[in-house]
C-alpha atoms as a PDB file:
ATOM      1  CA  MET A   1       0.022   0.025  -0.003  1.00  0.00           C
ATOM      2  CA  PRO A   2       1.385   3.374  -0.907  1.00  0.00           C
ATOM      3  CA  ILE A   3       0.330   4.995   2.378  1.00  0.00           C
ATOM      4  CA  ILE A   4       2.701   4.344   5.245  1.00  0.00           C
ATOM      5  CA  VAL A   5       1.561   5.121   8.898  1.00  0.00           C
ATOM      6  CA  ASN A   6       4.389   6.307  11.070  1.00  0.00           C
ATOM      7  CA  LEU A   7       2.278   6.715  14.160  1.00  0.00           C
ATOM      8  CA  ASP A   8       4.396   4.250  16.154  1.00  0.00           C
ATOM      9  CA  VAL A   9       7.441   6.267  15.310  1.00  0.00           C
ATOM     10  CA  MET A  10       5.902   9.582  16.493  1.00  0.00           C
ATOM     11  CA  MET A  11       4.556   7.989  19.658  1.00  0.00           C
ATOM     12  CA  ALA A  12       8.156   6.635  20.420  1.00  0.00           C
ATOM     13  CA  LYS A  13       9.552  10.089  19.737  1.00  0.00           C
ATOM     14  CA  ARG A  14       6.996  11.643  22.279  1.00  0.00           C
ATOM     15  CA  ARG A  15       7.412   8.575  24.654  1.00  0.00           C
ATOM     16  CA  MET A  16       3.609   8.128  24.626  1.00  0.00           C
ATOM     17  CA  PRO A  17       2.360   4.648  25.231  1.00  0.00           C
ATOM     18  CA  SER A  18      -0.546   3.283  23.213  1.00  0.00           C
ATOM     19  CA  GLY A  19      -2.860   3.025  26.211  1.00  0.00           C
ATOM     20  CA  GLU A  20      -2.257   6.660  27.149  1.00  0.00           C
ATOM     21  CA  LEU A  21      -2.736   7.996  23.680  1.00  0.00           C
ATOM     22  CA  ALA A  22      -5.838   5.902  23.130  1.00  0.00           C
ATOM     23  CA  ALA A  23      -7.439   7.183  26.371  1.00  0.00           C
ATOM     24  CA  LYS A  24      -6.583  10.806  25.528  1.00  0.00           C
ATOM     25  CA  ILE A  25      -8.073  10.749  22.108  1.00  0.00           C
ATOM     26  CA  GLY A  26     -11.106   8.559  22.999  1.00  0.00           C
ATOM     27  CA  LEU A  27     -10.136   5.662  20.850  1.00  0.00           C
ATOM     28  CA  SER A  28     -10.084   1.967  21.803  1.00  0.00           C
ATOM     29  CA  GLN A  29      -6.612   0.417  22.098  1.00  0.00           C
ATOM     30  CA  ALA A  30      -7.753  -2.156  19.393  1.00  0.00           C
ATOM     31  CA  ASN A  31      -8.609   0.626  17.028  1.00  0.00           C
ATOM     32  CA  LEU A  32      -5.356   2.499  17.656  1.00  0.00           C
ATOM     33  CA  SER A  33      -3.493  -0.708  17.068  1.00  0.00           C
ATOM     34  CA  ILE A  34      -5.228  -1.085  13.693  1.00  0.00           C
ATOM     35  CA  LEU A  35      -4.308   2.421  12.730  1.00  0.00           C
ATOM     36  CA  LYS A  36      -0.696   1.974  13.913  1.00  0.00           C
ATOM     37  CA  THR A  37      -0.190  -1.099  11.923  1.00  0.00           C
ATOM     38  CA  GLY A  38      -1.547   0.334   8.700  1.00  0.00           C
ATOM     39  CA  LYS A  39      -4.495  -1.947   8.562  1.00  0.00           C
ATOM     40  CA  ALA A  40      -6.959   0.803   8.747  1.00  0.00           C
ATOM     41  CA  LYS A  41      -8.777   1.559   5.457  1.00  0.00           C
ATOM     42  CA  ALA A  42      -9.784   5.099   6.635  1.00  0.00           C
ATOM     43  CA  VAL A  43      -9.168   7.643   9.442  1.00  0.00           C
ATOM     44  CA  ARG A  44     -11.478  10.285  10.380  1.00  0.00           C
ATOM     45  CA  PHE A  45     -10.074  13.868  10.310  1.00  0.00           C
ATOM     46  CA  SER A  46     -11.346  14.361  13.890  1.00  0.00           C
ATOM     47  CA  THR A  47      -9.260  11.341  14.949  1.00  0.00           C
ATOM     48  CA  LEU A  48      -6.213  12.642  12.915  1.00  0.00           C
ATOM     49  CA  GLU A  49      -6.709  16.085  14.559  1.00  0.00           C
ATOM     50  CA  ALA A  50      -6.830  14.531  18.081  1.00  0.00           C
ATOM     51  CA  ILE A  51      -3.704  12.485  17.470  1.00  0.00           C
ATOM     52  CA  CYS A  52      -1.745  15.452  16.207  1.00  0.00           C
ATOM     53  CA  LYS A  53      -2.866  17.599  19.115  1.00  0.00           C
ATOM     54  CA  GLU A  54      -1.816  15.022  21.759  1.00  0.00           C
ATOM     55  CA  LEU A  55       1.507  14.236  19.975  1.00  0.00           C
ATOM     56  CA  ASN A  56       2.180  17.904  18.976  1.00  0.00           C
ATOM     57  CA  CYS A  57       2.880  17.000  15.319  1.00  0.00           C
ATOM     58  CA  GLN A  58       1.538  17.477  11.864  1.00  0.00           C
ATOM     59  CA  PRO A  59      -0.499  14.895   9.816  1.00  0.00           C
ATOM     60  CA  GLY A  60       2.581  14.543   7.590  1.00  0.00           C
ATOM     61  CA  ASP A  61       4.582  13.307  10.507  1.00  0.00           C
ATOM     62  CA  ILE A  62       2.144  10.440  10.862  1.00  0.00           C
ATOM     63  CA  LEU A  63       1.164   9.653   7.253  1.00  0.00           C
ATOM     64  CA  GLU A  64       3.505   9.156   4.387  1.00  0.00           C
ATOM     65  CA  TYR A  65       2.907   8.494   0.654  1.00  0.00           C
ATOM     66  CA  THR A  66       5.174   6.345  -1.404  1.00  0.00           C
ATOM     67  CA  ASP A  67       4.846   5.384  -5.066  1.00  0.00           C
ATOM     68  CA  ASP A  68       5.160   1.688  -4.973  1.00  0.00           C
ATOM     69  CA  THR A  69       5.009   1.488  -8.744  1.00  0.00           C
ATOM     70  CA  PHE A  70       8.225   3.533  -9.132  1.00  0.00           C
ATOM     71  CA  GLU A  71      11.099   1.581 -10.605  1.00  0.00           C
ATOM     72  CA  PRO A  72      14.592   2.925  -9.842  1.00  0.00           C
ATOM     73  CA  LEU A  73      16.983   3.789 -12.646  1.00  0.00           C
ATOM     74  CA  ASP A  74      20.393   2.186 -12.919  1.00  0.00           C
ATOM     75  CA  SER A  75      23.569   4.284 -12.960  1.00  0.00           C
ATOM     76  CA  GLN A  76      23.347   4.709 -16.779  1.00  0.00           C
ATOM     77  CA  GLY A  77      19.837   6.198 -16.524  1.00  0.00           C
ATOM     78  CA  GLY A  78      17.873   3.109 -17.815  1.00  0.00           C
ATOM     79  CA  GLU A  79      15.559   0.808 -15.882  1.00  0.00           C
ATOM     80  CA  GLN A  80      16.962  -1.952 -13.946  1.00  0.00           C
END
């Protein structure tokens, strides 16, 4: 999937355990775990806002887009 969830990285940087974050944002630990592992199919803006508020971060600190169809070029400028 081209969307990578870096929530666990941001939580580690802020030294915030899952249980504490879940309680502060009003989300179950199970649903937070689904979000952290990238298994969620959607996230509400209100949930994203609450996470960013508690972790003092931006949405881009948590969510990252990668183009998984990109094929790197070799050193001569051609496809590998």
